[in-house]
Amino acid sequence: MDDMQSMWGIIGVIVFFCGIYALYAFIMLKKNGEINATLLLGKDYLYKKCKDKENYTRKAGPALLIFGIVSAAYGVLDIIHCYVYPMALVDTVGMCIFFIVLVWFAVYTTKLKRMYF
């Protein structure tokens, strides 16, 4: 395997684990009401300063779930593409969908931060 292909495979593994982490954060959000500062807030926001935690978690939860599912699915797809069976078109479509969801997630959660913090 050439070095470039290996690098893309590593990125797929990172995206997969990012998706798993987002799904874990979603479970913790629904189960305990814990807002994951790493994925949802960033370093400039404290979850304790939320104006309406119930509505924030209700609105942020589905976005976190969608981001987690898409990230994990694309990570698996990219790992399969890089290490098992090459399927360039499917991988490219998956990557485009992942990036669209990533941008949507960033814009949506930034909007929520402005609204509730």
PDB file of N, CA and C in Angstrom:
ATOM      1  N   MET A   1       0.855  -1.172   0.000  1.00  0.00           N
ATOM      2  CA  MET A   1       0.000   0.000   0.000  1.00  0.00           C
ATOM      3  C   MET A   1       0.901   1.233   0.000  1.00  0.00           C
ATOM      4  N   ASP A   2       0.593   2.198  -0.840  1.00  0.00           N
ATOM      5  CA  ASP A   2       1.421   3.396  -0.882  1.00  0.00           C
ATOM      6  C   ASP A   2       1.107   4.314   0.304  1.00  0.00           C
ATOM      7  N   ASP A   3       1.999   5.289   0.534  1.00  0.00           N
ATOM      8  CA  ASP A   3       1.878   6.158   1.699  1.00  0.00           C
ATOM      9  C   ASP A   3       0.611   7.013   1.671  1.00  0.00           C
ATOM     10  N   MET A   4       0.219   7.484   0.507  1.00  0.00           N
ATOM     11  CA  MET A   4      -0.968   8.325   0.407  1.00  0.00           C
ATOM     12  C   MET A   4      -2.232   7.544   0.773  1.00  0.00           C
ATOM     13  N   GLN A   5      -2.341   6.333   0.280  1.00  0.00           N
ATOM     14  CA  GLN A   5      -3.489   5.486   0.598  1.00  0.00           C
ATOM     15  C   GLN A   5      -3.531   5.189   2.090  1.00  0.00           C
ATOM     16  N   SER A   6      -2.371   4.954   2.686  1.00  0.00           N
ATOM     17  CA  SER A   6      -2.289   4.680   4.115  1.00  0.00           C
ATOM     18  C   SER A   6      -2.746   5.886   4.930  1.00  0.00           C
ATOM     19  N   MET A   7      -2.384   7.098   4.488  1.00  0.00           N
ATOM     20  CA  MET A   7      -2.802   8.307   5.199  1.00  0.00           C
ATOM     21  C   MET A   7      -4.322   8.441   5.179  1.00  0.00           C
ATOM     22  N   TRP A   8      -4.940   8.201   4.032  1.00  0.00           N
ATOM     23  CA  TRP A   8      -6.393   8.298   3.947  1.00  0.00           C
ATOM     24  C   TRP A   8      -7.065   7.234   4.810  1.00  0.00           C
ATOM     25  N   GLY A   9      -6.468   6.079   4.916  1.00  0.00           N
ATOM     26  CA  GLY A   9      -7.010   5.035   5.782  1.00  0.00           C
ATOM     27  C   GLY A   9      -6.985   5.449   7.238  1.00  0.00           C
ATOM     28  N   ILE A  10      -5.927   6.123   7.643  1.00  0.00           N
ATOM     29  CA  ILE A  10      -5.827   6.601   9.025  1.00  0.00           C
ATOM     30  C   ILE A  10      -6.887   7.668   9.287  1.00  0.00           C
ATOM     31  N   ILE A  11      -7.128   8.514   8.312  1.00  0.00           N
ATOM     32  CA  ILE A  11      -8.178   9.526   8.465  1.00  0.00           C
ATOM     33  C   ILE A  11      -9.541   8.849   8.630  1.00  0.00           C
ATOM     34  N   GLY A  12      -9.780   7.778   7.910  1.00  0.00           N
ATOM     35  CA  GLY A  12     -11.027   7.027   8.069  1.00  0.00           C
ATOM     36  C   GLY A  12     -11.172   6.467   9.473  1.00  0.00           C
ATOM     37  N   VAL A  13     -10.084   5.960  10.040  1.00  0.00           N
ATOM     38  CA  VAL A  13     -10.115   5.442  11.414  1.00  0.00           C
ATOM     39  C   VAL A  13     -10.425   6.570  12.394  1.00  0.00           C
ATOM     40  N   ILE A  14      -9.805   7.738  12.188  1.00  0.00           N
ATOM     41  CA  ILE A  14     -10.053   8.887  13.069  1.00  0.00           C
ATOM     42  C   ILE A  14     -11.510   9.336  12.975  1.00  0.00           C
ATOM     43  N   VAL A  15     -12.049   9.404  11.765  1.00  0.00           N
ATOM     44  CA  VAL A  15     -13.446   9.806  11.583  1.00  0.00           C
ATOM     45  C   VAL A  15     -14.375   8.786  12.232  1.00  0.00           C
ATOM     46  N   PHE A  16     -14.058   7.503  12.107  1.00  0.00           N
ATOM     47  CA  PHE A  16     -14.867   6.461  12.741  1.00  0.00           C
ATOM     48  C   PHE A  16     -14.914   6.650  14.254  1.00  0.00           C
ATOM     49  N   PHE A  17     -13.760   6.847  14.878  1.00  0.00           N
ATOM     50  CA  PHE A  17     -13.736   7.014  16.331  1.00  0.00           C
ATOM     51  C   PHE A  17     -14.372   8.336  16.763  1.00  0.00           C
ATOM     52  N   CYS A  18     -14.302   9.344  15.931  1.00  0.00           N
ATOM     53  CA  CYS A  18     -15.004  10.595  16.201  1.00  0.00           C
ATOM     54  C   CYS A  18     -16.518  10.349  16.225  1.00  0.00           C
ATOM     55  N   GLY A  19     -16.994   9.544  15.296  1.00  0.00           N
ATOM     56  CA  GLY A  19     -18.412   9.187  15.266  1.00  0.00           C
ATOM     57  C   GLY A  19     -18.825   8.396  16.493  1.00  0.00           C
ATOM     58  N   ILE A  20     -17.986   7.456  16.906  1.00  0.00           N
ATOM     59  CA  ILE A  20     -18.279   6.676  18.113  1.00  0.00           C
ATOM     60  C   ILE A  20     -18.321   7.597  19.330  1.00  0.00           C
ATOM     61  N   TYR A  21     -17.378   8.551  19.405  1.00  0.00           N
ATOM     62  CA  TYR A  21     -17.349   9.511  20.509  1.00  0.00           C
ATOM     63  C   TYR A  21     -18.606  10.382  20.499  1.00  0.00           C
ATOM     64  N   ALA A  22     -19.060  10.800  19.324  1.00  0.00           N
ATOM     65  CA  ALA A  22     -20.279  11.602  19.224  1.00  0.00           C
ATOM     66  C   ALA A  22     -21.496  10.793  19.668  1.00  0.00           C
ATOM     67  N   LEU A  23     -21.544   9.525  19.305  1.00  0.00           N
ATOM     68  CA  LEU A  23     -22.652   8.672  19.760  1.00  0.00           C
ATOM     69  C   LEU A  23     -22.616   8.479  21.275  1.00  0.00           C
ATOM     70  N   TYR A  24     -21.417   8.327  21.831  1.00  0.00           N
ATOM     71  CA  TYR A  24     -21.270   8.232  23.292  1.00  0.00           C
ATOM     72  C   TYR A  24     -21.752   9.534  23.949  1.00  0.00           C
ATOM     73  N   ALA A  25     -21.375  10.680  23.371  1.00  0.00           N
ATOM     74  CA  ALA A  25     -21.801  11.970  23.916  1.00  0.00           C
ATOM     75  C   ALA A  25     -23.318  12.113  23.843  1.00  0.00           C
ATOM     76  N   PHE A  26     -23.925  11.593  22.776  1.00  0.00           N
ATOM     77  CA  PHE A  26     -25.382  11.626  22.655  1.00  0.00           C
ATOM     78  C   PHE A  26     -26.031  10.793  23.747  1.00  0.00           C
ATOM     79  N   ILE A  27     -25.496   9.598  23.989  1.00  0.00           N
ATOM     80  CA  ILE A  27     -26.045   8.730  25.035  1.00  0.00           C
ATOM     81  C   ILE A  27     -25.937   9.405  26.397  1.00  0.00           C
ATOM     82  N   MET A  28     -24.788  10.012  26.691  1.00  0.00           N
ATOM     83  CA  MET A  28     -24.604  10.706  27.961  1.00  0.00           C
ATOM     84  C   MET A  28     -25.529  11.924  28.072  1.00  0.00           C
ATOM     85  N   LEU A  29     -25.787  12.583  26.954  1.00  0.00           N
ATOM     86  CA  LEU A  29     -26.688  13.728  26.945  1.00  0.00           C
ATOM     87  C   LEU A  29     -28.106  13.287  27.279  1.00  0.00           C
ATOM     88  N   LYS A  30     -28.553  12.196  26.676  1.00  0.00           N
ATOM     89  CA  LYS A  30     -29.907  11.709  26.917  1.00  0.00           C
ATOM     90  C   LYS A  30     -30.051  11.035  28.283  1.00  0.00           C
ATOM     91  N   LYS A  31     -29.038  10.302  28.683  1.00  0.00           N
ATOM     92  CA  LYS A  31     -29.111   9.541  29.929  1.00  0.00           C
ATOM     93  C   LYS A  31     -28.926  10.429  31.161  1.00  0.00           C
ATOM     94  N   ASN A  32     -27.894  11.260  31.154  1.00  0.00           N
ATOM     95  CA  ASN A  32     -27.544  12.036  32.347  1.00  0.00           C
ATOM     96  C   ASN A  32     -27.732  13.536  32.180  1.00  0.00           C
ATOM     97  N   GLY A  33     -28.028  13.991  30.976  1.00  0.00           N
ATOM     98  CA  GLY A  33     -28.126  15.421  30.728  1.00  0.00           C
ATOM     99  C   GLY A  33     -26.774  16.113  30.647  1.00  0.00           C
ATOM    100  N   GLU A  34     -25.692  15.338  30.473  1.00  0.00           N
ATOM    101  CA  GLU A  34     -24.342  15.907  30.390  1.00  0.00           C
ATOM    102  C   GLU A  34     -24.108  16.484  28.998  1.00  0.00           C
ATOM    103  N   ILE A  35     -23.765  17.767  28.954  1.00  0.00           N
ATOM    104  CA  ILE A  35     -23.444  18.426  27.689  1.00  0.00           C
ATOM    105  C   ILE A  35     -21.956  18.239  27.436  1.00  0.00           C
ATOM    106  N   ASN A  36     -21.613  17.612  26.336  1.00  0.00           N
ATOM    107  CA  ASN A  36     -20.215  17.377  25.994  1.00  0.00           C
ATOM    108  C   ASN A  36     -19.609  18.677  25.475  1.00  0.00           C
ATOM    109  N   ALA A  37     -18.742  19.266  26.287  1.00  0.00           N
ATOM    110  CA  ALA A  37     -18.159  20.561  25.934  1.00  0.00           C
ATOM    111  C   ALA A  37     -17.260  20.457  24.703  1.00  0.00           C
ATOM    112  N   THR A  38     -16.611  19.335  24.509  1.00  0.00           N
ATOM    113  CA  THR A  38     -15.700  19.172  23.378  1.00  0.00           C
ATOM    114  C   THR A  38     -16.440  19.245  22.051  1.00  0.00           C
ATOM    115  N   LEU A  39     -17.533  18.567  21.921  1.00  0.00           N
ATOM    116  CA  LEU A  39     -18.262  18.523  20.653  1.00  0.00           C
ATOM    117  C   LEU A  39     -19.288  19.640  20.494  1.00  0.00           C
ATOM    118  N   LEU A  40     -19.914  20.028  21.581  1.00  0.00           N
ATOM    119  CA  LEU A  40     -21.031  20.955  21.457  1.00  0.00           C
ATOM    120  C   LEU A  40     -20.713  22.399  21.817  1.00  0.00           C
ATOM    121  N   LEU A  41     -19.759  22.628  22.684  1.00  0.00           N
ATOM    122  CA  LEU A  41     -19.569  23.984  23.186  1.00  0.00           C
ATOM    123  C   LEU A  41     -18.271  24.644  22.763  1.00  0.00           C
ATOM    124  N   GLY A  42     -17.165  23.989  22.948  1.00  0.00           N
ATOM    125  CA  GLY A  42     -15.881  24.626  22.698  1.00  0.00           C
ATOM    126  C   GLY A  42     -15.322  25.212  23.980  1.00  0.00           C
ATOM    127  N   LYS A  43     -14.115  25.728  23.897  1.00  0.00           N
ATOM    128  CA  LYS A  43     -13.414  26.150  25.105  1.00  0.00           C
ATOM    129  C   LYS A  43     -13.928  27.459  25.696  1.00  0.00           C
ATOM    130  N   ASP A  44     -14.663  28.248  24.931  1.00  0.00           N
ATOM    131  CA  ASP A  44     -15.122  29.540  25.429  1.00  0.00           C
ATOM    132  C   ASP A  44     -16.452  29.481  26.170  1.00  0.00           C
ATOM    133  N   TYR A  45     -17.082  28.325  26.238  1.00  0.00           N
ATOM    134  CA  TYR A  45     -18.395  28.206  26.860  1.00  0.00           C
ATOM    135  C   TYR A  45     -18.346  27.214  28.018  1.00  0.00           C
ATOM    136  N   LEU A  46     -19.076  27.540  29.076  1.00  0.00           N
ATOM    137  CA  LEU A  46     -19.226  26.629  30.203  1.00  0.00           C
ATOM    138  C   LEU A  46     -20.659  26.114  30.215  1.00  0.00           C
ATOM    139  N   TYR A  47     -20.815  24.787  30.336  1.00  0.00           N
ATOM    140  CA  TYR A  47     -22.158  24.217  30.289  1.00  0.00           C
ATOM    141  C   TYR A  47     -23.015  24.697  31.451  1.00  0.00           C
ATOM    142  N   LYS A  48     -22.396  25.135  32.533  1.00  0.00           N
ATOM    143  CA  LYS A  48     -23.143  25.615  33.704  1.00  0.00           C
ATOM    144  C   LYS A  48     -23.835  26.949  33.444  1.00  0.00           C
ATOM    145  N   LYS A  49     -23.422  27.661  32.412  1.00  0.00           N
ATOM    146  CA  LYS A  49     -23.996  28.964  32.107  1.00  0.00           C
ATOM    147  C   LYS A  49     -25.139  28.887  31.089  1.00  0.00           C
ATOM    148  N   CYS A  50     -25.618  27.711  30.831  1.00  0.00           N
ATOM    149  CA  CYS A  50     -26.707  27.535  29.873  1.00  0.00           C
ATOM    150  C   CYS A  50     -27.993  28.152  30.427  1.00  0.00           C
ATOM    151  N   LYS A  51     -28.655  28.956  29.602  1.00  0.00           N
ATOM    152  CA  LYS A  51     -29.873  29.644  30.023  1.00  0.00           C
ATOM    153  C   LYS A  51     -31.061  28.687  30.151  1.00  0.00           C
ATOM    154  N   ASP A  52     -31.132  27.712  29.280  1.00  0.00           N
ATOM    155  CA  ASP A  52     -32.244  26.753  29.272  1.00  0.00           C
ATOM    156  C   ASP A  52     -31.696  25.385  28.862  1.00  0.00           C
ATOM    157  N   LYS A  53     -31.177  24.654  29.821  1.00  0.00           N
ATOM    158  CA  LYS A  53     -30.491  23.394  29.542  1.00  0.00           C
ATOM    159  C   LYS A  53     -31.423  22.361  28.903  1.00  0.00           C
ATOM    160  N   GLU A  54     -32.670  22.322  29.341  1.00  0.00           N
ATOM    161  CA  GLU A  54     -33.608  21.330  28.813  1.00  0.00           C
ATOM    162  C   GLU A  54     -33.855  21.529  27.318  1.00  0.00           C
ATOM    163  N   ASN A  55     -34.124  22.757  26.919  1.00  0.00           N
ATOM    164  CA  ASN A  55     -34.354  23.022  25.492  1.00  0.00           C
ATOM    165  C   ASN A  55     -33.073  22.864  24.676  1.00  0.00           C
ATOM    166  N   TYR A  56     -31.936  23.256  25.258  1.00  0.00           N
ATOM    167  CA  TYR A  56     -30.671  23.093  24.540  1.00  0.00           C
ATOM    168  C   TYR A  56     -30.397  21.616  24.261  1.00  0.00           C
ATOM    169  N   THR A  57     -30.559  20.772  25.265  1.00  0.00           N
ATOM    170  CA  THR A  57     -30.295  19.343  25.061  1.00  0.00           C
ATOM    171  C   THR A  57     -31.315  18.724  24.106  1.00  0.00           C
ATOM    172  N   ARG A  58     -32.544  19.216  24.157  1.00  0.00           N
ATOM    173  CA  ARG A  58     -33.574  18.706  23.245  1.00  0.00           C
ATOM    174  C   ARG A  58     -33.247  19.041  21.794  1.00  0.00           C
ATOM    175  N   LYS A  59     -32.672  20.213  21.558  1.00  0.00           N
ATOM    176  CA  LYS A  59     -32.339  20.623  20.190  1.00  0.00           C
ATOM    177  C   LYS A  59     -30.971  20.118  19.734  1.00  0.00           C
ATOM    178  N   ALA A  60     -30.013  20.017  20.642  1.00  0.00           N
ATOM    179  CA  ALA A  60     -28.662  19.582  20.269  1.00  0.00           C
ATOM    180  C   ALA A  60     -28.569  18.065  20.129  1.00  0.00           C
ATOM    181  N   GLY A  61     -29.402  17.334  20.836  1.00  0.00           N
ATOM    182  CA  GLY A  61     -29.343  15.877  20.820  1.00  0.00           C
ATOM    183  C   GLY A  61     -29.477  15.253  19.441  1.00  0.00           C
ATOM    184  N   PRO A  62     -30.528  15.584  18.685  1.00  0.00           N
ATOM    185  CA  PRO A  62     -30.661  14.987  17.347  1.00  0.00           C
ATOM    186  C   PRO A  62     -29.498  15.334  16.415  1.00  0.00           C
ATOM    187  N   ALA A  63     -28.981  16.554  16.508  1.00  0.00           N
ATOM    188  CA  ALA A  63     -27.841  16.933  15.675  1.00  0.00           C
ATOM    189  C   ALA A  63     -26.612  16.107  16.024  1.00  0.00           C
ATOM    190  N   LEU A  64     -26.408  15.886  17.307  1.00  0.00           N
ATOM    191  CA  LEU A  64     -25.282  15.070  17.755  1.00  0.00           C
ATOM    192  C   LEU A  64     -25.439  13.629  17.289  1.00  0.00           C
ATOM    193  N   LEU A  65     -26.650  13.103  17.352  1.00  0.00           N
ATOM    194  CA  LEU A  65     -26.918  11.740  16.885  1.00  0.00           C
ATOM    195  C   LEU A  65     -26.666  11.604  15.382  1.00  0.00           C
ATOM    196  N   ILE A  66     -27.158  12.547  14.599  1.00  0.00           N
ATOM    197  CA  ILE A  66     -26.954  12.504  13.144  1.00  0.00           C
ATOM    198  C   ILE A  66     -25.470  12.585  12.815  1.00  0.00           C
ATOM    199  N   PHE A  67     -24.764  13.521  13.462  1.00  0.00           N
ATOM    200  CA  PHE A  67     -23.328  13.657  13.229  1.00  0.00           C
ATOM    201  C   PHE A  67     -22.586  12.372  13.599  1.00  0.00           C
ATOM    202  N   GLY A  68     -22.943  11.759  14.709  1.00  0.00           N
ATOM    203  CA  GLY A  68     -22.291  10.526  15.142  1.00  0.00           C
ATOM    204  C   GLY A  68     -22.518   9.372  14.177  1.00  0.00           C
ATOM    205  N   ILE A  69     -23.743   9.212  13.738  1.00  0.00           N
ATOM    206  CA  ILE A  69     -24.067   8.116  12.808  1.00  0.00           C
ATOM    207  C   ILE A  69     -23.357   8.306  11.475  1.00  0.00           C
ATOM    208  N   VAL A  70     -23.413   9.520  10.936  1.00  0.00           N
ATOM    209  CA  VAL A  70     -22.787   9.778   9.634  1.00  0.00           C
ATOM    210  C   VAL A  70     -21.270   9.625   9.734  1.00  0.00           C
ATOM    211  N   SER A  71     -20.670  10.123  10.810  1.00  0.00           N
ATOM    212  CA  SER A  71     -19.220  10.009  10.981  1.00  0.00           C
ATOM    213  C   SER A  71     -18.788   8.558  11.107  1.00  0.00           C
ATOM    214  N   ALA A  72     -19.474   7.793  11.927  1.00  0.00           N
ATOM    215  CA  ALA A  72     -19.115   6.384  12.100  1.00  0.00           C
ATOM    216  C   ALA A  72     -19.312   5.611  10.795  1.00  0.00           C
ATOM    217  N   ALA A  73     -20.416   5.880  10.103  1.00  0.00           N
ATOM    218  CA  ALA A  73     -20.678   5.177   8.845  1.00  0.00           C
ATOM    219  C   ALA A  73     -19.630   5.520   7.788  1.00  0.00           C
ATOM    220  N   TYR A  74     -19.293   6.809   7.669  1.00  0.00           N
ATOM    221  CA  TYR A  74     -18.278   7.176   6.684  1.00  0.00           C
ATOM    222  C   TYR A  74     -16.913   6.620   7.082  1.00  0.00           C
ATOM    223  N   GLY A  75     -16.609   6.598   8.363  1.00  0.00           N
ATOM    224  CA  GLY A  75     -15.340   6.017   8.804  1.00  0.00           C
ATOM    225  C   GLY A  75     -15.226   4.558   8.405  1.00  0.00           C
ATOM    226  N   VAL A  76     -16.285   3.793   8.619  1.00  0.00           N
ATOM    227  CA  VAL A  76     -16.294   2.381   8.222  1.00  0.00           C
ATOM    228  C   VAL A  76     -16.152   2.259   6.704  1.00  0.00           C
ATOM    229  N   LEU A  77     -16.894   3.069   5.971  1.00  0.00           N
ATOM    230  CA  LEU A  77     -16.826   3.044   4.512  1.00  0.00           C
ATOM    231  C   LEU A  77     -15.412   3.353   4.014  1.00  0.00           C
ATOM    232  N   ASP A  78     -14.774   4.351   4.602  1.00  0.00           N
ATOM    233  CA  ASP A  78     -13.428   4.726   4.178  1.00  0.00           C
ATOM    234  C   ASP A  78     -12.400   3.653   4.546  1.00  0.00           C
ATOM    235  N   ILE A  79     -12.569   3.044   5.703  1.00  0.00           N
ATOM    236  CA  ILE A  79     -11.665   1.956   6.102  1.00  0.00           C
ATOM    237  C   ILE A  79     -11.794   0.792   5.124  1.00  0.00           C
ATOM    238  N   ILE A  80     -13.024   0.443   4.764  1.00  0.00           N
ATOM    239  CA  ILE A  80     -13.234  -0.635   3.794  1.00  0.00           C
ATOM    240  C   ILE A  80     -12.616  -0.265   2.455  1.00  0.00           C
ATOM    241  N   HIS A  81     -12.822   0.975   2.033  1.00  0.00           N
ATOM    242  CA  HIS A  81     -12.274   1.435   0.754  1.00  0.00           C
ATOM    243  C   HIS A  81     -10.743   1.384   0.754  1.00  0.00           C
ATOM    244  N   CYS A  82     -10.123   1.787   1.835  1.00  0.00           N
ATOM    245  CA  CYS A  82      -8.657   1.874   1.867  1.00  0.00           C
ATOM    246  C   CYS A  82      -7.969   0.536   2.132  1.00  0.00           C
ATOM    247  N   TYR A  83      -8.598  -0.333   2.895  1.00  0.00           N
ATOM    248  CA  TYR A  83      -7.908  -1.546   3.335  1.00  0.00           C
ATOM    249  C   TYR A  83      -8.491  -2.854   2.812  1.00  0.00           C
ATOM    250  N   VAL A  84      -9.754  -2.863   2.390  1.00  0.00           N
ATOM    251  CA  VAL A  84     -10.385  -4.126   2.014  1.00  0.00           C
ATOM    252  C   VAL A  84     -10.705  -4.181   0.523  1.00  0.00           C
ATOM    253  N   TYR A  85     -11.564  -3.291   0.085  1.00  0.00           N
ATOM    254  CA  TYR A  85     -12.048  -3.331  -1.296  1.00  0.00           C
ATOM    255  C   TYR A  85     -12.171  -1.903  -1.827  1.00  0.00           C
ATOM    256  N   PRO A  86     -11.388  -1.536  -2.825  1.00  0.00           N
ATOM    257  CA  PRO A  86     -11.458  -0.167  -3.354  1.00  0.00           C
ATOM    258  C   PRO A  86     -12.797   0.110  -4.038  1.00  0.00           C
ATOM    259  N   MET A  87     -13.410   1.196  -3.652  1.00  0.00           N
ATOM    260  CA  MET A  87     -14.666   1.636  -4.272  1.00  0.00           C
ATOM    261  C   MET A  87     -14.672   3.163  -4.247  1.00  0.00           C
ATOM    262  N   ALA A  88     -13.965   3.730  -5.188  1.00  0.00           N
ATOM    263  CA  ALA A  88     -13.684   5.171  -5.196  1.00  0.00           C
ATOM    264  C   ALA A  88     -14.948   6.021  -5.262  1.00  0.00           C
ATOM    265  N   LEU A  89     -15.892   5.681  -6.119  1.00  0.00           N
ATOM    266  CA  LEU A  89     -17.096   6.491  -6.272  1.00  0.00           C
ATOM    267  C   LEU A  89     -17.919   6.509  -4.988  1.00  0.00           C
ATOM    268  N   VAL A  90     -18.123   5.354  -4.402  1.00  0.00           N
ATOM    269  CA  VAL A  90     -18.901   5.262  -3.163  1.00  0.00           C
ATOM    270  C   VAL A  90     -18.199   6.031  -2.045  1.00  0.00           C
ATOM    271  N   ASP A  91     -16.874   5.903  -1.969  1.00  0.00           N
ATOM    272  CA  ASP A  91     -16.110   6.610  -0.944  1.00  0.00           C
ATOM    273  C   ASP A  91     -16.195   8.118  -1.145  1.00  0.00           C
ATOM    274  N   THR A  92     -16.140   8.575  -2.384  1.00  0.00           N
ATOM    275  CA  THR A  92     -16.228  10.011  -2.670  1.00  0.00           C
ATOM    276  C   THR A  92     -17.606  10.560  -2.306  1.00  0.00           C
ATOM    277  N   VAL A  93     -18.651   9.832  -2.636  1.00  0.00           N
ATOM    278  CA  VAL A  93     -20.005  10.253  -2.271  1.00  0.00           C
ATOM    279  C   VAL A  93     -20.142  10.291  -0.746  1.00  0.00           C
ATOM    280  N   GLY A  94     -19.632   9.266  -0.074  1.00  0.00           N
ATOM    281  CA  GLY A  94     -19.667   9.236   1.386  1.00  0.00           C
ATOM    282  C   GLY A  94     -18.919  10.406   1.997  1.00  0.00           C
ATOM    283  N   MET A  95     -17.766  10.738   1.419  1.00  0.00           N
ATOM    284  CA  MET A  95     -16.982  11.857   1.929  1.00  0.00           C
ATOM    285  C   MET A  95     -17.741  13.171   1.749  1.00  0.00           C
ATOM    286  N   CYS A  96     -18.405  13.351   0.618  1.00  0.00           N
ATOM    287  CA  CYS A  96     -19.183  14.571   0.388  1.00  0.00           C
ATOM    288  C   CYS A  96     -20.329  14.686   1.396  1.00  0.00           C
ATOM    289  N   ILE A  97     -21.021  13.585   1.632  1.00  0.00           N
ATOM    290  CA  ILE A  97     -22.110  13.585   2.613  1.00  0.00           C
ATOM    291  C   ILE A  97     -21.558  13.894   4.007  1.00  0.00           C
ATOM    292  N   PHE A  98     -20.420  13.283   4.362  1.00  0.00           N
ATOM    293  CA  PHE A  98     -19.805  13.546   5.664  1.00  0.00           C
ATOM    294  C   PHE A  98     -19.468  15.024   5.816  1.00  0.00           C
ATOM    295  N   PHE A  99     -18.852  15.634   4.814  1.00  0.00           N
ATOM    296  CA  PHE A  99     -18.479  17.039   4.919  1.00  0.00           C
ATOM    297  C   PHE A  99     -19.704  17.952   4.997  1.00  0.00           C
ATOM    298  N   ILE A 100     -20.749  17.631   4.266  1.00  0.00           N
ATOM    299  CA  ILE A 100     -21.984  18.421   4.346  1.00  0.00           C
ATOM    300  C   ILE A 100     -22.559  18.351   5.757  1.00  0.00           C
ATOM    301  N   VAL A 101     -22.613  17.157   6.328  1.00  0.00           N
ATOM    302  CA  VAL A 101     -23.133  16.994   7.685  1.00  0.00           C
ATOM    303  C   VAL A 101     -22.215  17.683   8.700  1.00  0.00           C
ATOM    304  N   LEU A 102     -20.910  17.602   8.495  1.00  0.00           N
ATOM    305  CA  LEU A 102     -19.960  18.260   9.396  1.00  0.00           C
ATOM    306  C   LEU A 102     -20.169  19.770   9.410  1.00  0.00           C
ATOM    307  N   VAL A 103     -20.305  20.378   8.249  1.00  0.00           N
ATOM    308  CA  VAL A 103     -20.531  21.827   8.170  1.00  0.00           C
ATOM    309  C   VAL A 103     -21.883  22.181   8.779  1.00  0.00           C
ATOM    310  N   TRP A 104     -22.912  21.409   8.455  1.00  0.00           N
ATOM    311  CA  TRP A 104     -24.235  21.649   9.039  1.00  0.00           C
ATOM    312  C   TRP A 104     -24.176  21.559  10.562  1.00  0.00           C
ATOM    313  N   PHE A 105     -23.507  20.554  11.095  1.00  0.00           N
ATOM    314  CA  PHE A 105     -23.393  20.371  12.544  1.00  0.00           C
ATOM    315  C   PHE A 105     -22.693  21.570  13.183  1.00  0.00           C
ATOM    316  N   ALA A 106     -21.615  22.026  12.574  1.00  0.00           N
ATOM    317  CA  ALA A 106     -20.876  23.169  13.122  1.00  0.00           C
ATOM    318  C   ALA A 106     -21.732  24.436  13.106  1.00  0.00           C
ATOM    319  N   VAL A 107     -22.421  24.695  12.018  1.00  0.00           N
ATOM    320  CA  VAL A 107     -23.258  25.893  11.915  1.00  0.00           C
ATOM    321  C   VAL A 107     -24.430  25.804  12.894  1.00  0.00           C
ATOM    322  N   TYR A 108     -25.074  24.662  12.946  1.00  0.00           N
ATOM    323  CA  TYR A 108     -26.242  24.479  13.810  1.00  0.00           C
ATOM    324  C   TYR A 108     -25.881  24.603  15.292  1.00  0.00           C
ATOM    325  N   THR A 109     -24.808  23.955  15.710  1.00  0.00           N
ATOM    326  CA  THR A 109     -24.436  24.032  17.129  1.00  0.00           C
ATOM    327  C   THR A 109     -23.921  25.425  17.500  1.00  0.00           C
ATOM    328  N   THR A 110     -23.309  26.129  16.563  1.00  0.00           N
ATOM    329  CA  THR A 110     -22.898  27.509  16.838  1.00  0.00           C
ATOM    330  C   THR A 110     -24.118  28.396  17.032  1.00  0.00           C
ATOM    331  N   LYS A 111     -25.138  28.182  16.226  1.00  0.00           N
ATOM    332  CA  LYS A 111     -26.394  28.916  16.364  1.00  0.00           C
ATOM    333  C   LYS A 111     -27.034  28.621  17.731  1.00  0.00           C
ATOM    334  N   LEU A 112     -27.006  27.361  18.138  1.00  0.00           N
ATOM    335  CA  LEU A 112     -27.565  26.992  19.446  1.00  0.00           C
ATOM    336  C   LEU A 112     -26.779  27.630  20.588  1.00  0.00           C
ATOM    337  N   LYS A 113     -25.461  27.685  20.460  1.00  0.00           N
ATOM    338  CA  LYS A 113     -24.651  28.322  21.501  1.00  0.00           C
ATOM    339  C   LYS A 113     -25.016  29.786  21.663  1.00  0.00           C
ATOM    340  N   ARG A 114     -25.191  30.466  20.554  1.00  0.00           N
ATOM    341  CA  ARG A 114     -25.560  31.888  20.624  1.00  0.00           C
ATOM    342  C   ARG A 114     -26.940  32.075  21.258  1.00  0.00           C
ATOM    343  N   MET A 115     -27.819  31.121  21.017  1.00  0.00           N
ATOM    344  CA  MET A 115     -29.170  31.227  21.520  1.00  0.00           C
ATOM    345  C   MET A 115     -29.265  30.914  23.022  1.00  0.00           C
ATOM    346  N   TYR A 116     -28.513  29.936  23.500  1.00  0.00           N
ATOM    347  CA  TYR A 116     -28.687  29.449  24.870  1.00  0.00           C
ATOM    348  C   TYR A 116     -27.569  29.792  25.827  1.00  0.00           C
ATOM    349  N   PHE A 117     -26.513  30.463  25.350  1.00  0.00           N
ATOM    350  CA  PHE A 117     -25.419  30.805  26.255  1.00  0.00           C
ATOM    351  C   PHE A 117     -25.129  32.290  26.214  1.00  0.00           C
TER     352      PHE A 117
END
